[in-house]
Protein backbone atom coordinates (compact mmCIF):
# COMPACT_ATOMS: atom_id res chain seq x y z
CA MET A 1 3.18 -14.17 4.01
CA SER A 2 1.51 -11.11 5.73
CA ALA A 3 2.58 -9.62 9.01
CA SER A 4 0.61 -10.99 11.98
CA ARG A 5 0.23 -8.30 14.70
CA PHE A 6 -1.42 -10.55 17.25
CA ASP A 7 -0.09 -13.54 18.93
CA VAL A 8 -3.17 -16.02 18.77
CA HIS A 9 -1.34 -19.30 18.11
CA ASP A 10 -3.32 -21.91 19.75
CA ALA A 11 -5.98 -19.54 21.25
CA GLU A 12 -9.53 -20.89 21.41
CA ILE A 13 -12.44 -18.65 20.14
CA VAL A 14 -14.98 -18.96 22.87
CA ALA A 15 -17.25 -16.30 21.87
CA LEU A 16 -18.27 -14.33 18.66
CA GLU A 17 -20.53 -11.09 18.89
CA ASN A 18 -21.61 -9.14 15.91
CA HIS A 19 -22.71 -5.67 16.47
CA ARG A 20 -24.19 -4.89 12.80
CA GLU A 21 -25.25 -1.32 13.24
CA ALA A 22 -21.68 -0.32 14.97
CA LYS A 23 -19.82 -2.30 12.31
CA GLU A 24 -18.12 -3.99 15.01
CA LEU A 25 -17.24 -7.86 15.57
CA SER A 26 -15.71 -9.25 18.64
CA LEU A 27 -14.04 -12.54 19.30
CA GLY A 28 -13.54 -13.87 22.88
CA LEU A 29 -10.42 -15.88 23.22
CA ARG A 30 -8.92 -18.21 25.82
CA MET A 31 -5.22 -17.92 25.18
CA VAL A 32 -2.72 -20.79 25.95
CA GLY A 33 -2.41 -20.91 29.80
CA GLY A 34 -5.90 -19.91 30.24
CA ALA A 35 -5.80 -16.08 29.98
CA ARG A 36 -8.98 -14.22 28.46
CA ALA A 37 -8.72 -11.87 25.53
CA LEU A 38 -10.99 -9.83 23.56
CA LEU A 39 -10.15 -9.25 19.86
CA VAL A 40 -12.46 -6.40 18.48
CA PHE A 41 -12.62 -5.61 14.78
CA SER A 42 -13.90 -2.15 13.94
CA GLY A 43 -15.24 -0.55 10.66
CA VAL A 44 -16.44 -3.92 9.52
CA GLU A 45 -17.29 -4.18 6.07
CA SER A 46 -17.59 -7.84 5.22
CA VAL A 47 -17.43 -11.03 7.12
CA SER A 48 -17.03 -14.58 5.97
CA LEU A 49 -16.60 -17.06 8.66
CA GLY A 50 -17.31 -20.73 9.37
CA PRO A 51 -17.87 -23.34 10.40
CA PHE A 52 -18.17 -22.82 14.10
CA TYR A 53 -17.64 -26.14 16.12
CA ASP A 54 -17.57 -27.25 19.84
CA GLN A 55 -13.83 -26.24 19.79
CA ASN A 56 -12.46 -23.54 17.61
CA VAL A 57 -8.63 -23.06 17.67
CA LEU A 58 -6.44 -20.40 15.97
CA LEU A 59 -3.35 -21.18 14.14
CA ALA A 60 -2.78 -17.66 13.10
CA LEU A 61 -4.52 -14.40 12.38
CA TYR A 62 -3.10 -12.59 9.42
CA GLU A 63 -3.50 -9.12 8.44
CA TRP A 64 -3.28 -8.22 4.75
CA THR A 65 -2.89 -4.55 3.73
CA ALA A 66 -1.75 -2.61 0.39
CA ALA A 67 1.75 -2.70 1.93
CA HIS A 68 1.90 -6.63 1.49
CA SER A 69 3.08 -7.88 -1.79
CA GLY A 70 0.67 -10.99 -1.60
CA ALA A 71 -2.36 -8.96 -0.84
CA ARG A 72 -3.94 -9.01 -4.24
CA ALA A 73 -3.39 -12.77 -4.68
CA ARG A 74 -4.79 -13.53 -1.24
CA CYS A 75 -7.88 -11.50 -1.92
CA GLN A 76 -8.44 -13.62 -5.27
CA GLU A 77 -7.88 -16.90 -3.34
CA PHE A 78 -10.70 -15.88 -1.02
CA GLU A 79 -12.84 -14.81 -3.94
CA LEU A 80 -13.37 -11.35 -2.67
CA SER A 81 -15.19 -9.19 -5.03
CA VAL A 82 -13.60 -6.41 -7.21
CA GLU A 83 -14.91 -3.60 -4.95
CA SER A 84 -13.37 -5.37 -1.87
CA THR A 85 -10.04 -6.14 -3.29
CA ARG A 86 -9.88 -2.57 -4.60
CA ALA A 87 -10.70 -1.46 -1.00
CA VAL A 88 -7.87 -3.49 0.38
CA LEU A 89 -5.56 -2.31 -2.09
CA GLU A 90 -6.30 1.38 -1.62
CA GLY A 91 -6.06 1.01 2.23
CA GLN A 92 -9.57 1.64 2.82
CA VAL A 93 -9.89 -1.59 4.89
CA LYS A 94 -7.54 -4.50 6.15
CA PHE A 95 -7.96 -8.14 5.13
CA TYR A 96 -7.81 -10.27 8.41
CA GLU A 97 -7.36 -13.88 7.75
CA LEU A 98 -8.47 -16.33 10.46
CA ASP A 99 -6.33 -19.29 9.94
CA PRO A 100 -7.86 -22.19 12.11
CA SER A 101 -6.21 -25.36 13.23
CA VAL A 102 -9.71 -26.52 14.21
CA GLY A 103 -13.12 -25.08 13.41
CA LEU A 104 -13.74 -21.38 12.73
CA GLY A 105 -11.74 -19.68 10.02
CA GLY A 106 -12.54 -17.26 7.07
CA TYR A 107 -11.73 -13.51 6.80
CA ILE A 108 -12.94 -10.03 7.95
CA LEU A 109 -12.66 -6.75 6.35
CA ALA A 110 -12.36 -4.01 8.65
CA ARG A 111 -10.67 -0.79 9.24
CA ASP A 112 -8.80 -1.90 12.20
CA ALA A 113 -8.41 -4.67 15.03
CA VAL A 114 -7.45 -4.33 18.72
CA MET A 115 -6.85 -7.02 21.09
CA THR A 116 -7.19 -6.59 24.83
CA MET A 117 -6.12 -8.96 27.67
CA LEU A 118 -8.93 -9.17 30.28
């Protein structure tokens, strides 16, 4: 499995904001215990997320890169295009997999992601 830089287990996604021109996507999170966080993906190249329900809770957020032996297989499981898979394997973007326990899941292809506690 890939490494996860972000401890988002049981965090609820309470907001999603896409800044297409800036190639930035933000997820507003309510962490376990009620603290708020903002997870910002920069250099976004592709997004496939859904469904967004009344409640959206993350099990995990995985970051797949060329350094992970299972990256190619994971790209194929999500049916990424040949070009997108190549971009992940050549280190141009990272493949962030949102693994939900409820609601919103999918992937984001982006250059980087940063989480800030609010």
